[in-house]
Structures are given as structure tokens and as C-alpha cells.
Amino acid sequence: MAAAISALNAKIRSQPVLNYVCSTHFWGPVSNFGIPIAAVLDTQKDPEIISGRMTGALVLYSGTFMRYALAIQPKNYLLFGCHFVNFGAQLTQGYRYMQFWNFGGREASLEAKAKTEANQIAQDGKSIAGDAKAGAEGILGDVKQRAGDLKQKVVR
């Protein structure tokens, strides 16, 4: 059994593509790609939930491992690409954090939200007023009809 496993390992290691796919130079970056994918998806979320400290830590982490990916032998371009994407996404998040908390983005967001809510309240008020008017006109019509009916009865 050991001879069969040894033969299979030798066959895999003799083919460069399979050797690469079966190494940590491939599977490490592949499993690590969850971080940049999440970072890119987070760029669509509300900037209020961005952690400035975590973003800064991830920028340093990705910058360090981009350098590491090129310093080792053989160079690991897949790892470099993974951290390059994460580095860019984290810089984007850092910009969004600074814009929101330090450069007036939060105030603009709150102002826009307040305007939207005020418009919604105004629309709801108009709708309620229109419904009340229609209801009052309906009741008034019924009262006039009954008054006319009673007048007819009294006249007879």
C-alpha cells in the first residue's frame, strides 16, 4: 500500500501543474481569497459600520503579505494577487471611513435621510387628507340623501 501511495505521489509531483495544485502555494491563497471577496462585497454596505482600526490592520496585513509573496522562492503570484485585491478593497474602505466620519459624509447622509423621511411624511399626510376628504364627502352625500328622504316624508 505504501508503494502505491509513493508511486501516486511521484506521478503527481512529476507533472508541474498537478504539483502546483497539490501545494500550499496554491491552496493557501485560494482559501485566503475569502477575505478580499468579503472586502469587495463590503464596499456596497453602509459606511457607518466600517471599523477604522480593522481596516487599517488589514491594509498593513495585505501590504506585508504582498511583499512576502514576492520575497519567497518560488514567487507566489497567486498569493500576491489575493493580497493585492484585498489591499485595494481595504484602501477603498479606508477612504469611505474617512469620508463618512471625518469629511462630512455622515452629516450629508443624515440630512438626506431626514429629507427622505420628511417627504414620506408629507406624502402620507396628503394621502390621509385625501382619504378623509373622500370619506367626508361620502358621508355628506348620505346625509343629504336622507335629509331629502325625510323632507319627502314630512311633505306628504
N, C-alpha and C. Protein backbone atom coordinates (compact mmCIF):
# COMPACT_ATOMS: atom_id res chain seq x y z
N MET A 1 0.82 -1.18 0.00
CA MET A 1 0.00 0.00 0.00
C MET A 1 0.87 1.25 0.00
N ALA A 2 1.91 1.26 0.80
CA ALA A 2 2.81 2.41 0.86
C ALA A 2 3.48 2.63 -0.49
N ALA A 3 3.76 1.53 -1.19
CA ALA A 3 4.40 1.65 -2.50
C ALA A 3 3.44 2.30 -3.50
N ALA A 4 2.15 1.98 -3.42
CA ALA A 4 1.16 2.57 -4.32
C ALA A 4 1.02 4.07 -4.05
N ILE A 5 0.99 4.44 -2.80
CA ILE A 5 0.88 5.86 -2.45
C ILE A 5 2.13 6.61 -2.89
N SER A 6 3.27 5.99 -2.69
CA SER A 6 4.53 6.60 -3.10
C SER A 6 4.58 6.77 -4.62
N ALA A 7 4.08 5.79 -5.35
CA ALA A 7 4.06 5.87 -6.81
C ALA A 7 3.10 6.97 -7.27
N LEU A 8 1.95 7.06 -6.63
CA LEU A 8 0.97 8.10 -6.97
C LEU A 8 1.55 9.49 -6.68
N ASN A 9 2.21 9.64 -5.55
CA ASN A 9 2.83 10.91 -5.20
C ASN A 9 3.92 11.28 -6.21
N ALA A 10 4.72 10.30 -6.62
CA ALA A 10 5.77 10.56 -7.60
C ALA A 10 5.16 10.98 -8.94
N LYS A 11 4.03 10.35 -9.33
CA LYS A 11 3.39 10.70 -10.59
C LYS A 11 2.83 12.12 -10.52
N ILE A 12 2.21 12.48 -9.39
CA ILE A 12 1.66 13.84 -9.22
C ILE A 12 2.79 14.86 -9.24
N ARG A 13 3.87 14.58 -8.52
CA ARG A 13 4.98 15.54 -8.42
C ARG A 13 5.76 15.66 -9.72
N SER A 14 5.63 14.70 -10.60
CA SER A 14 6.36 14.79 -11.88
C SER A 14 5.66 15.70 -12.88
N GLN A 15 4.38 15.99 -12.66
CA GLN A 15 3.64 16.89 -13.55
C GLN A 15 3.57 18.27 -12.90
N PRO A 16 4.13 19.28 -13.56
CA PRO A 16 4.23 20.61 -12.93
C PRO A 16 2.88 21.21 -12.50
N VAL A 17 1.85 21.07 -13.32
CA VAL A 17 0.56 21.67 -12.98
C VAL A 17 -0.04 20.97 -11.76
N LEU A 18 -0.05 19.64 -11.77
CA LEU A 18 -0.58 18.91 -10.62
C LEU A 18 0.26 19.16 -9.37
N ASN A 19 1.56 19.26 -9.54
CA ASN A 19 2.44 19.54 -8.41
C ASN A 19 2.07 20.89 -7.78
N TYR A 20 1.79 21.88 -8.63
CA TYR A 20 1.42 23.20 -8.13
C TYR A 20 0.05 23.16 -7.45
N VAL A 21 -0.92 22.50 -8.06
CA VAL A 21 -2.27 22.43 -7.49
C VAL A 21 -2.27 21.68 -6.17
N CYS A 22 -1.36 20.76 -5.98
CA CYS A 22 -1.30 19.99 -4.74
C CYS A 22 -0.40 20.63 -3.68
N SER A 23 0.01 21.87 -3.91
CA SER A 23 0.93 22.51 -2.95
C SER A 23 0.23 23.60 -2.15
N THR A 24 0.90 24.02 -1.09
CA THR A 24 0.36 25.12 -0.29
C THR A 24 0.50 26.45 -1.01
N HIS A 25 1.35 26.50 -2.04
CA HIS A 25 1.46 27.72 -2.84
C HIS A 25 0.17 27.99 -3.60
N PHE A 26 -0.63 26.96 -3.81
CA PHE A 26 -1.92 27.12 -4.48
C PHE A 26 -3.06 27.22 -3.47
N TRP A 27 -3.16 26.25 -2.57
CA TRP A 27 -4.31 26.18 -1.68
C TRP A 27 -4.32 27.26 -0.61
N GLY A 28 -3.16 27.74 -0.19
CA GLY A 28 -3.11 28.84 0.77
C GLY A 28 -3.82 30.09 0.24
N PRO A 29 -3.40 30.59 -0.93
CA PRO A 29 -4.08 31.77 -1.47
C PRO A 29 -5.53 31.52 -1.84
N VAL A 30 -5.84 30.33 -2.34
CA VAL A 30 -7.22 30.03 -2.72
C VAL A 30 -8.13 30.11 -1.49
N SER A 31 -7.69 29.53 -0.38
CA SER A 31 -8.50 29.58 0.84
C SER A 31 -8.51 30.98 1.43
N ASN A 32 -7.48 31.76 1.16
CA ASN A 32 -7.38 33.12 1.69
C ASN A 32 -8.21 34.12 0.89
N PHE A 33 -8.68 33.73 -0.30
CA PHE A 33 -9.42 34.65 -1.15
C PHE A 33 -10.78 35.03 -0.56
N GLY A 34 -11.23 34.38 0.49
CA GLY A 34 -12.47 34.77 1.15
C GLY A 34 -12.38 36.17 1.74
N ILE A 35 -11.19 36.56 2.20
CA ILE A 35 -11.02 37.89 2.81
C ILE A 35 -11.22 38.99 1.76
N PRO A 36 -10.53 38.95 0.61
CA PRO A 36 -10.76 40.03 -0.36
C PRO A 36 -12.15 40.00 -0.98
N ILE A 37 -12.72 38.83 -1.13
CA ILE A 37 -14.09 38.76 -1.67
C ILE A 37 -15.05 39.47 -0.71
N ALA A 38 -14.92 39.18 0.58
CA ALA A 38 -15.76 39.85 1.58
C ALA A 38 -15.50 41.35 1.60
N ALA A 39 -14.24 41.75 1.45
CA ALA A 39 -13.91 43.18 1.45
C ALA A 39 -14.53 43.90 0.26
N VAL A 40 -14.49 43.28 -0.90
CA VAL A 40 -15.09 43.89 -2.09
C VAL A 40 -16.60 43.99 -1.92
N LEU A 41 -17.23 42.95 -1.38
CA LEU A 41 -18.68 43.00 -1.16
C LEU A 41 -19.06 44.03 -0.10
N ASP A 42 -18.18 44.25 0.88
CA ASP A 42 -18.45 45.24 1.93
C ASP A 42 -18.42 46.67 1.41
N THR A 43 -17.83 46.91 0.26
CA THR A 43 -17.79 48.27 -0.28
C THR A 43 -19.18 48.76 -0.66
N GLN A 44 -20.17 47.87 -0.72
CA GLN A 44 -21.54 48.25 -1.07
C GLN A 44 -22.40 48.50 0.18
N LYS A 45 -21.84 48.26 1.35
CA LYS A 45 -22.61 48.41 2.59
C LYS A 45 -22.48 49.83 3.12
N ASP A 46 -23.30 50.14 4.11
CA ASP A 46 -23.31 51.46 4.74
C ASP A 46 -21.95 51.75 5.37
N PRO A 47 -21.35 52.91 5.10
CA PRO A 47 -20.03 53.21 5.67
C PRO A 47 -20.03 53.40 7.19
N GLU A 48 -21.21 53.51 7.78
CA GLU A 48 -21.28 53.68 9.23
C GLU A 48 -20.76 52.45 9.97
N ILE A 49 -20.82 51.28 9.34
CA ILE A 49 -20.41 50.05 10.02
C ILE A 49 -18.93 49.71 9.82
N ILE A 50 -18.20 50.54 9.10
CA ILE A 50 -16.78 50.27 8.85
C ILE A 50 -15.97 50.52 10.12
N SER A 51 -15.11 49.57 10.45
CA SER A 51 -14.20 49.74 11.58
C SER A 51 -12.89 50.31 11.05
N GLY A 52 -12.55 51.51 11.50
CA GLY A 52 -11.31 52.15 11.05
C GLY A 52 -10.07 51.37 11.47
N ARG A 53 -10.07 50.87 12.69
CA ARG A 53 -8.91 50.12 13.19
C ARG A 53 -8.71 48.81 12.43
N MET A 54 -9.81 48.11 12.19
CA MET A 54 -9.70 46.84 11.47
C MET A 54 -9.27 47.07 10.03
N THR A 55 -9.79 48.11 9.42
CA THR A 55 -9.41 48.42 8.05
C THR A 55 -7.92 48.73 7.98
N GLY A 56 -7.44 49.53 8.92
CA GLY A 56 -6.01 49.83 8.96
C GLY A 56 -5.16 48.59 9.16
N ALA A 57 -5.59 47.70 10.04
CA ALA A 57 -4.87 46.46 10.28
C ALA A 57 -4.84 45.59 9.02
N LEU A 58 -5.95 45.53 8.29
CA LEU A 58 -6.00 44.71 7.08
C LEU A 58 -5.17 45.31 5.94
N VAL A 59 -5.05 46.63 5.90
CA VAL A 59 -4.16 47.26 4.91
C VAL A 59 -2.72 46.86 5.19
N LEU A 60 -2.31 46.94 6.46
CA LEU A 60 -0.94 46.54 6.82
C LEU A 60 -0.71 45.05 6.57
N TYR A 61 -1.69 44.23 6.92
CA TYR A 61 -1.60 42.78 6.71
C TYR A 61 -1.41 42.46 5.23
N SER A 62 -2.24 43.05 4.39
CA SER A 62 -2.17 42.76 2.96
C SER A 62 -0.89 43.30 2.35
N GLY A 63 -0.47 44.49 2.80
CA GLY A 63 0.79 45.03 2.29
C GLY A 63 1.98 44.16 2.66
N THR A 64 1.98 43.66 3.89
CA THR A 64 3.06 42.78 4.35
C THR A 64 3.10 41.49 3.54
N PHE A 65 1.93 40.87 3.33
CA PHE A 65 1.91 39.60 2.63
C PHE A 65 2.07 39.74 1.12
N MET A 66 1.80 40.93 0.58
CA MET A 66 2.15 41.15 -0.84
C MET A 66 3.67 41.08 -0.97
N ARG A 67 4.36 41.72 -0.03
CA ARG A 67 5.83 41.70 -0.05
C ARG A 67 6.34 40.27 0.18
N TYR A 68 5.73 39.56 1.10
CA TYR A 68 6.13 38.18 1.40
C TYR A 68 5.96 37.28 0.16
N ALA A 69 4.86 37.47 -0.55
CA ALA A 69 4.57 36.63 -1.72
C ALA A 69 5.65 36.77 -2.79
N LEU A 70 6.28 37.92 -2.85
CA LEU A 70 7.33 38.13 -3.85
C LEU A 70 8.72 37.83 -3.29
N ALA A 71 8.86 37.75 -1.97
CA ALA A 71 10.16 37.51 -1.35
C ALA A 71 10.51 36.03 -1.27
N ILE A 72 9.51 35.16 -1.23
CA ILE A 72 9.78 33.73 -1.10
C ILE A 72 10.18 33.14 -2.44
N GLN A 73 10.76 31.95 -2.39
CA GLN A 73 11.13 31.23 -3.62
C GLN A 73 10.38 29.93 -3.66
N PRO A 74 9.69 29.60 -4.67
CA PRO A 74 9.40 30.42 -5.85
C PRO A 74 8.38 31.50 -5.51
N LYS A 75 8.39 32.58 -6.26
CA LYS A 75 7.46 33.68 -6.02
C LYS A 75 6.02 33.17 -6.15
N ASN A 76 5.17 33.60 -5.26
CA ASN A 76 3.79 33.13 -5.26
C ASN A 76 2.88 34.27 -5.77
N TYR A 77 2.66 34.28 -7.07
CA TYR A 77 1.88 35.35 -7.69
C TYR A 77 0.39 35.25 -7.34
N LEU A 78 -0.10 34.06 -7.07
CA LEU A 78 -1.49 33.90 -6.66
C LEU A 78 -1.71 34.54 -5.28
N LEU A 79 -0.79 34.33 -4.37
CA LEU A 79 -0.86 34.97 -3.06
C LEU A 79 -0.74 36.48 -3.20
N PHE A 80 0.16 36.92 -4.07
CA PHE A 80 0.31 38.35 -4.32
C PHE A 80 -1.00 38.95 -4.83
N GLY A 81 -1.64 38.27 -5.78
CA GLY A 81 -2.90 38.76 -6.35
C GLY A 81 -3.99 38.83 -5.30
N CYS A 82 -4.06 37.83 -4.47
CA CYS A 82 -5.06 37.80 -3.38
C CYS A 82 -4.90 39.02 -2.48
N HIS A 83 -3.68 39.28 -2.06
CA HIS A 83 -3.44 40.39 -1.15
C HIS A 83 -3.50 41.74 -1.87
N PHE A 84 -3.20 41.76 -3.15
CA PHE A 84 -3.33 42.99 -3.92
C PHE A 84 -4.80 43.42 -3.99
N VAL A 85 -5.69 42.46 -4.26
CA VAL A 85 -7.13 42.76 -4.29
C VAL A 85 -7.61 43.22 -2.92
N ASN A 86 -7.18 42.53 -1.88
CA ASN A 86 -7.57 42.90 -0.52
C ASN A 86 -7.03 44.28 -0.15
N PHE A 87 -5.80 44.56 -0.53
CA PHE A 87 -5.19 45.86 -0.25
C PHE A 87 -6.01 46.97 -0.89
N GLY A 88 -6.39 46.79 -2.15
CA GLY A 88 -7.20 47.79 -2.84
C GLY A 88 -8.57 47.96 -2.21
N ALA A 89 -9.21 46.85 -1.87
CA ALA A 89 -10.54 46.92 -1.24
C ALA A 89 -10.46 47.59 0.13
N GLN A 90 -9.42 47.28 0.88
CA GLN A 90 -9.29 47.89 2.21
C GLN A 90 -8.96 49.38 2.11
N LEU A 91 -8.18 49.78 1.11
CA LEU A 91 -7.94 51.21 0.90
C LEU A 91 -9.24 51.93 0.55
N THR A 92 -10.07 51.28 -0.25
CA THR A 92 -11.38 51.84 -0.59
C THR A 92 -12.23 52.00 0.67
N GLN A 93 -12.23 50.97 1.51
CA GLN A 93 -12.97 51.03 2.77
C GLN A 93 -12.42 52.14 3.67
N GLY A 94 -11.10 52.27 3.70
CA GLY A 94 -10.48 53.33 4.50
C GLY A 94 -10.90 54.71 4.01
N TYR A 95 -10.95 54.89 2.71
CA TYR A 95 -11.41 56.17 2.14
C TYR A 95 -12.86 56.43 2.54
N ARG A 96 -13.70 55.41 2.41
CA ARG A 96 -15.11 55.55 2.76
C ARG A 96 -15.26 55.88 4.25
N TYR A 97 -14.45 55.24 5.10
CA TYR A 97 -14.49 55.51 6.54
C TYR A 97 -14.12 56.97 6.81
N MET A 98 -13.02 57.43 6.22
CA MET A 98 -12.57 58.81 6.43
C MET A 98 -13.60 59.80 5.90
N GLN A 99 -14.15 59.52 4.72
CA GLN A 99 -15.15 60.40 4.13
C GLN A 99 -16.39 60.48 5.03
N PHE A 100 -16.82 59.37 5.57
CA PHE A 100 -18.04 59.33 6.37
C PHE A 100 -17.84 60.00 7.72
N TRP A 101 -16.78 59.65 8.43
CA TRP A 101 -16.62 60.11 9.80
C TRP A 101 -15.86 61.43 9.93
N ASN A 102 -14.98 61.77 9.00
CA ASN A 102 -14.12 62.95 9.17
C ASN A 102 -14.37 64.07 8.16
N PHE A 103 -14.96 63.79 7.03
CA PHE A 103 -15.06 64.80 5.98
C PHE A 103 -16.51 65.12 5.59
N GLY A 104 -17.45 64.99 6.52
CA GLY A 104 -18.81 65.44 6.30
C GLY A 104 -19.76 64.45 5.68
N GLY A 105 -19.34 63.24 5.45
CA GLY A 105 -20.23 62.25 4.84
C GLY A 105 -21.38 61.86 5.75
N ARG A 106 -21.13 61.80 7.04
CA ARG A 106 -22.18 61.41 7.99
C ARG A 106 -23.28 62.47 8.03
N GLU A 107 -22.88 63.73 8.07
CA GLU A 107 -23.86 64.81 8.11
C GLU A 107 -24.70 64.82 6.84
N ALA A 108 -24.05 64.64 5.70
CA ALA A 108 -24.78 64.60 4.42
C ALA A 108 -25.75 63.43 4.38
N SER A 109 -25.31 62.30 4.91
CA SER A 109 -26.17 61.11 4.95
C SER A 109 -27.39 61.34 5.84
N LEU A 110 -27.16 61.93 7.02
CA LEU A 110 -28.27 62.20 7.93
C LEU A 110 -29.23 63.22 7.34
N GLU A 111 -28.69 64.23 6.65
CA GLU A 111 -29.54 65.24 6.02
C GLU A 111 -30.39 64.63 4.92
N ALA A 112 -29.79 63.78 4.10
CA ALA A 112 -30.54 63.12 3.03
C ALA A 112 -31.61 62.21 3.61
N LYS A 113 -31.28 61.50 4.68
CA LYS A 113 -32.26 60.61 5.32
C LYS A 113 -33.42 61.42 5.90
N ALA A 114 -33.11 62.57 6.51
CA ALA A 114 -34.16 63.42 7.09
C ALA A 114 -35.07 63.97 6.00
N LYS A 115 -34.50 64.39 4.86
CA LYS A 115 -35.31 64.89 3.75
C LYS A 115 -36.22 63.80 3.21
N THR A 116 -35.68 62.60 3.06
CA THR A 116 -36.47 61.48 2.56
C THR A 116 -37.63 61.18 3.50
N GLU A 117 -37.36 61.15 4.80
CA GLU A 117 -38.42 60.87 5.78
C GLU A 117 -39.45 61.99 5.81
N ALA A 118 -39.01 63.26 5.68
CA ALA A 118 -39.94 64.38 5.67
C ALA A 118 -40.85 64.30 4.44
N ASN A 119 -40.28 63.97 3.30
CA ASN A 119 -41.09 63.81 2.09
C ASN A 119 -42.10 62.68 2.24
N GLN A 120 -41.68 61.59 2.85
CA GLN A 120 -42.57 60.45 3.06
C GLN A 120 -43.72 60.82 3.99
N ILE A 121 -43.40 61.57 5.05
CA ILE A 121 -44.44 62.01 5.98
C ILE A 121 -45.42 62.95 5.28
N ALA A 122 -44.89 63.84 4.45
CA ALA A 122 -45.76 64.76 3.71
C ALA A 122 -46.68 63.99 2.76
N GLN A 123 -46.12 63.01 2.07
CA GLN A 123 -46.94 62.19 1.16
C GLN A 123 -48.00 61.42 1.92
N ASP A 124 -47.62 60.86 3.07
CA ASP A 124 -48.59 60.13 3.89
C ASP A 124 -49.70 61.07 4.38
N GLY A 125 -49.33 62.30 4.78
CA GLY A 125 -50.31 63.27 5.23
C GLY A 125 -51.29 63.64 4.13
N LYS A 126 -50.76 63.85 2.91
CA LYS A 126 -51.63 64.16 1.77
C LYS A 126 -52.57 63.00 1.47
N SER A 127 -52.06 61.81 1.56
CA SER A 127 -52.87 60.63 1.31
C SER A 127 -53.99 60.51 2.35
N ILE A 128 -53.63 60.72 3.60
CA ILE A 128 -54.63 60.63 4.68
C ILE A 128 -55.67 61.74 4.51
N ALA A 129 -55.21 62.96 4.18
CA ALA A 129 -56.15 64.07 3.98
C ALA A 129 -57.09 63.78 2.82
N GLY A 130 -56.56 63.21 1.73
CA GLY A 130 -57.40 62.86 0.58
C GLY A 130 -58.43 61.81 0.95
N ASP A 131 -57.99 60.81 1.73
CA ASP A 131 -58.93 59.76 2.17
C ASP A 131 -60.01 60.34 3.08
N ALA A 132 -59.61 61.25 3.98
CA ALA A 132 -60.57 61.87 4.90
C ALA A 132 -61.58 62.71 4.12
N LYS A 133 -61.10 63.46 3.13
CA LYS A 133 -61.99 64.29 2.32
C LYS A 133 -63.00 63.43 1.57
N ALA A 134 -62.49 62.35 0.98
CA ALA A 134 -63.39 61.45 0.25
C ALA A 134 -64.42 60.83 1.19
N GLY A 135 -63.99 60.45 2.38
CA GLY A 135 -64.92 59.88 3.36
C GLY A 135 -65.96 60.90 3.81
N ALA A 136 -65.51 62.14 4.04
CA ALA A 136 -66.43 63.19 4.47
C ALA A 136 -67.45 63.51 3.37
N GLU A 137 -66.98 63.55 2.12
CA GLU A 137 -67.90 63.81 1.01
C GLU A 137 -68.92 62.69 0.88
N GLY A 138 -68.49 61.46 1.11
CA GLY A 138 -69.42 60.33 1.07
C GLY A 138 -70.47 60.43 2.16
N ILE A 139 -70.03 60.78 3.37
CA ILE A 139 -70.96 60.92 4.49
C ILE A 139 -71.91 62.08 4.23
N LEU A 140 -71.39 63.19 3.72
CA LEU A 140 -72.22 64.35 3.41
C LEU A 140 -73.29 64.00 2.37
N GLY A 141 -72.88 63.22 1.36
CA GLY A 141 -73.84 62.78 0.35
C GLY A 141 -74.94 61.92 0.96
N ASP A 142 -74.56 61.02 1.88
CA ASP A 142 -75.55 60.18 2.55
C ASP A 142 -76.51 61.02 3.41
N VAL A 143 -75.96 62.01 4.13
CA VAL A 143 -76.79 62.88 4.97
C VAL A 143 -77.77 63.66 4.10
N LYS A 144 -77.30 64.21 2.98
CA LYS A 144 -78.18 64.96 2.09
C LYS A 144 -79.29 64.07 1.54
N GLN A 145 -78.92 62.83 1.21
CA GLN A 145 -79.92 61.89 0.67
C GLN A 145 -80.99 61.59 1.72
N ARG A 146 -80.55 61.33 2.94
CA ARG A 146 -81.52 61.03 4.00
C ARG A 146 -82.35 62.25 4.36
N ALA A 147 -81.70 63.42 4.33
CA ALA A 147 -82.46 64.64 4.60
C ALA A 147 -83.53 64.85 3.54
N GLY A 148 -83.18 64.57 2.30
CA GLY A 148 -84.15 64.68 1.21
C GLY A 148 -85.27 63.67 1.38
N ASP A 149 -84.93 62.46 1.79
CA ASP A 149 -85.95 61.43 2.03
C ASP A 149 -86.89 61.85 3.15
N LEU A 150 -86.32 62.38 4.26
CA LEU A 150 -87.14 62.81 5.38
C LEU A 150 -88.03 63.99 4.97
N LYS A 151 -87.50 64.89 4.17
CA LYS A 151 -88.29 66.03 3.69
C LYS A 151 -89.48 65.56 2.87
N GLN A 152 -89.24 64.53 2.07
CA GLN A 152 -90.32 63.96 1.26
C GLN A 152 -91.41 63.36 2.16
N LYS A 153 -90.99 62.71 3.22
CA LYS A 153 -91.94 62.08 4.14
C LYS A 153 -92.74 63.16 4.88
N VAL A 154 -92.06 64.26 5.27
CA VAL A 154 -92.72 65.31 6.03
C VAL A 154 -93.70 66.05 5.12
N VAL A 155 -93.37 66.27 3.90
CA VAL A 155 -94.22 66.99 2.96
C VAL A 155 -95.47 66.19 2.66
N ARG A 156 -95.43 64.94 2.64
CA ARG A 156 -96.59 64.10 2.33
C ARG A 156 -97.51 64.16 3.43
